[in-house]
């Protein structure tokens, strides 16, 4: 089986907004460790119940719960599931995923697909 890899969305201008969102979140070391473990489980197809939620429209959500904060990483499986494309990272403050975050992820996914068409 081919190795799945994480990739961070990159805008046409070379910007990396997901990396900026991660920096802005100022994750504590235990949060960073937990996020890395979650991402590894997704990559290895070894997720546990509650790790990932299907949001529809090809979007998936990695669910990171810290001591006092909750974060979400929205992503899509691309290139036959071999590319795990990180689209959006944010601190969750309400029960539902904020529509603007979903919209951002959907817009970035569409942009990525337009610039990386399937053969």
Protein backbone atom coordinates (compact mmCIF):
# COMPACT_ATOMS: atom_id res chain seq x y z
CA UNK A 1 0.00 0.00 0.00
CA UNK A 2 1.23 3.49 -0.83
CA UNK A 3 2.18 5.80 2.01
CA UNK A 4 -0.29 8.57 2.74
CA UNK A 5 1.22 12.00 3.34
CA UNK A 6 -0.02 15.22 4.85
CA UNK A 7 0.20 18.38 2.75
CA UNK A 8 -0.75 21.89 3.81
CA UNK A 9 -2.89 23.93 1.47
CA UNK A 10 -0.81 26.45 -0.42
CA UNK A 11 -2.43 29.39 -2.18
CA UNK A 12 -1.62 30.29 -5.77
CA UNK A 13 0.53 33.09 -4.34
CA UNK A 14 2.60 30.59 -2.31
CA UNK A 15 0.94 31.51 1.00
CA UNK A 16 0.43 28.79 3.60
CA UNK A 17 -2.60 29.92 5.64
CA UNK A 18 -2.96 26.67 7.59
CA UNK A 19 0.60 26.93 8.87
CA UNK A 20 -0.12 30.56 9.85
CA UNK A 21 -3.28 29.44 11.69
CA UNK A 22 -1.25 26.82 13.57
CA UNK A 23 1.33 29.44 14.59
CA UNK A 24 -1.38 31.88 15.62
CA UNK A 25 -3.02 29.23 17.85
CA UNK A 26 0.15 29.09 19.96
CA UNK A 27 -0.36 25.45 20.83
CA UNK A 28 1.11 24.27 24.10
CA UNK A 29 3.64 21.45 23.78
CA UNK A 30 1.11 18.83 24.91
CA UNK A 31 -1.38 20.13 22.30
CA UNK A 32 1.26 19.97 19.57
CA UNK A 33 2.15 16.41 20.60
CA UNK A 34 -1.50 15.39 20.61
CA UNK A 35 -2.14 16.97 17.19
CA UNK A 36 0.90 15.20 15.73
CA UNK A 37 -0.35 11.87 17.13
CA UNK A 38 -3.82 12.46 15.68
CA UNK A 39 -2.40 13.34 12.28
CA UNK A 40 -0.22 10.22 12.36
CA UNK A 41 -3.24 8.03 13.19
CA UNK A 42 -5.16 9.54 10.28
CA UNK A 43 -2.17 9.03 7.99
CA UNK A 44 -1.81 5.40 9.09
CA UNK A 45 -5.57 4.70 8.92
CA UNK A 46 -5.52 3.91 12.64
CA UNK A 47 -8.02 6.47 13.93
CA UNK A 48 -9.90 5.95 17.16
CA UNK A 49 -13.58 6.73 17.70
CA UNK A 50 -13.96 10.49 17.99
CA UNK A 51 -10.70 11.35 16.17
CA UNK A 52 -12.32 12.26 12.86
CA UNK A 53 -15.73 13.49 11.79
CA UNK A 54 -17.03 13.47 8.21
CA UNK A 55 -18.46 16.93 7.45
CA UNK A 56 -19.68 16.06 3.95
CA UNK A 57 -18.62 17.67 0.65
CA UNK A 58 -15.31 15.73 0.88
CA UNK A 59 -14.36 17.53 4.12
CA UNK A 60 -13.18 15.73 7.21
CA UNK A 61 -12.39 17.12 10.64
CA UNK A 62 -9.60 16.06 13.00
CA UNK A 63 -10.80 16.69 16.53
CA UNK A 64 -8.16 17.94 18.97
CA UNK A 65 -9.25 18.45 22.56
CA UNK A 66 -6.79 20.01 24.95
CA UNK A 67 -7.17 20.79 28.65
CA UNK A 68 -9.10 24.01 28.19
CA UNK A 69 -9.23 24.48 24.43
CA UNK A 70 -10.69 22.61 21.48
CA UNK A 71 -9.23 22.78 17.99
CA UNK A 72 -10.23 21.43 14.62
CA UNK A 73 -8.19 20.70 11.51
CA UNK A 74 -10.34 20.46 8.39
CA UNK A 75 -8.87 18.35 5.62
CA UNK A 76 -9.66 16.34 2.50
CA UNK A 77 -8.28 13.09 1.16
CA UNK A 78 -6.96 13.72 -2.34
CA UNK A 79 -5.11 11.74 -5.03
CA UNK A 80 -6.94 8.54 -4.18
CA UNK A 81 -6.55 9.17 -0.45
CA UNK A 82 -2.76 9.41 -0.62
CA UNK A 83 -2.65 13.15 0.05
CA UNK A 84 -4.22 14.39 3.26
CA UNK A 85 -4.71 18.06 2.42
CA UNK A 86 -4.90 20.28 5.51
CA UNK A 87 -7.28 23.10 4.60
CA UNK A 88 -8.14 25.00 7.77
CA UNK A 89 -7.15 25.04 11.47
CA UNK A 90 -9.07 26.90 14.15
CA UNK A 91 -10.00 26.97 17.80
CA UNK A 92 -13.54 25.75 18.25
CA UNK A 93 -15.68 27.90 20.53
CA UNK A 94 -19.19 26.69 19.71
CA UNK A 95 -21.00 23.36 19.35
CA UNK A 96 -21.11 23.39 15.55
CA UNK A 97 -18.24 23.93 13.14
CA UNK A 98 -18.48 27.62 12.20
CA UNK A 99 -19.89 28.06 8.67
CA UNK A 100 -17.11 30.51 7.75
CA UNK A 101 -14.46 27.87 8.55
CA UNK A 102 -16.29 25.28 6.42
CA UNK A 103 -16.64 27.83 3.62
CA UNK A 104 -12.92 28.60 3.81
CA UNK A 105 -12.03 24.90 3.66
CA UNK A 106 -14.39 24.28 0.72
CA UNK A 107 -13.02 27.30 -1.16
CA UNK A 108 -9.42 26.17 -0.59
CA UNK A 109 -10.23 22.61 -1.66
CA UNK A 110 -11.85 23.85 -4.87
CA UNK A 111 -8.86 26.10 -5.56
CA UNK A 112 -6.42 23.23 -4.91
CA UNK A 113 -8.36 20.89 -7.20
CA UNK A 114 -8.46 23.52 -9.96
CA UNK A 115 -4.67 23.86 -9.80
CA UNK A 116 -4.03 20.09 -9.32
CA UNK A 117 -6.44 18.39 -11.72
CA UNK A 118 -6.78 14.63 -11.71
CA UNK A 119 -5.26 13.10 -14.83
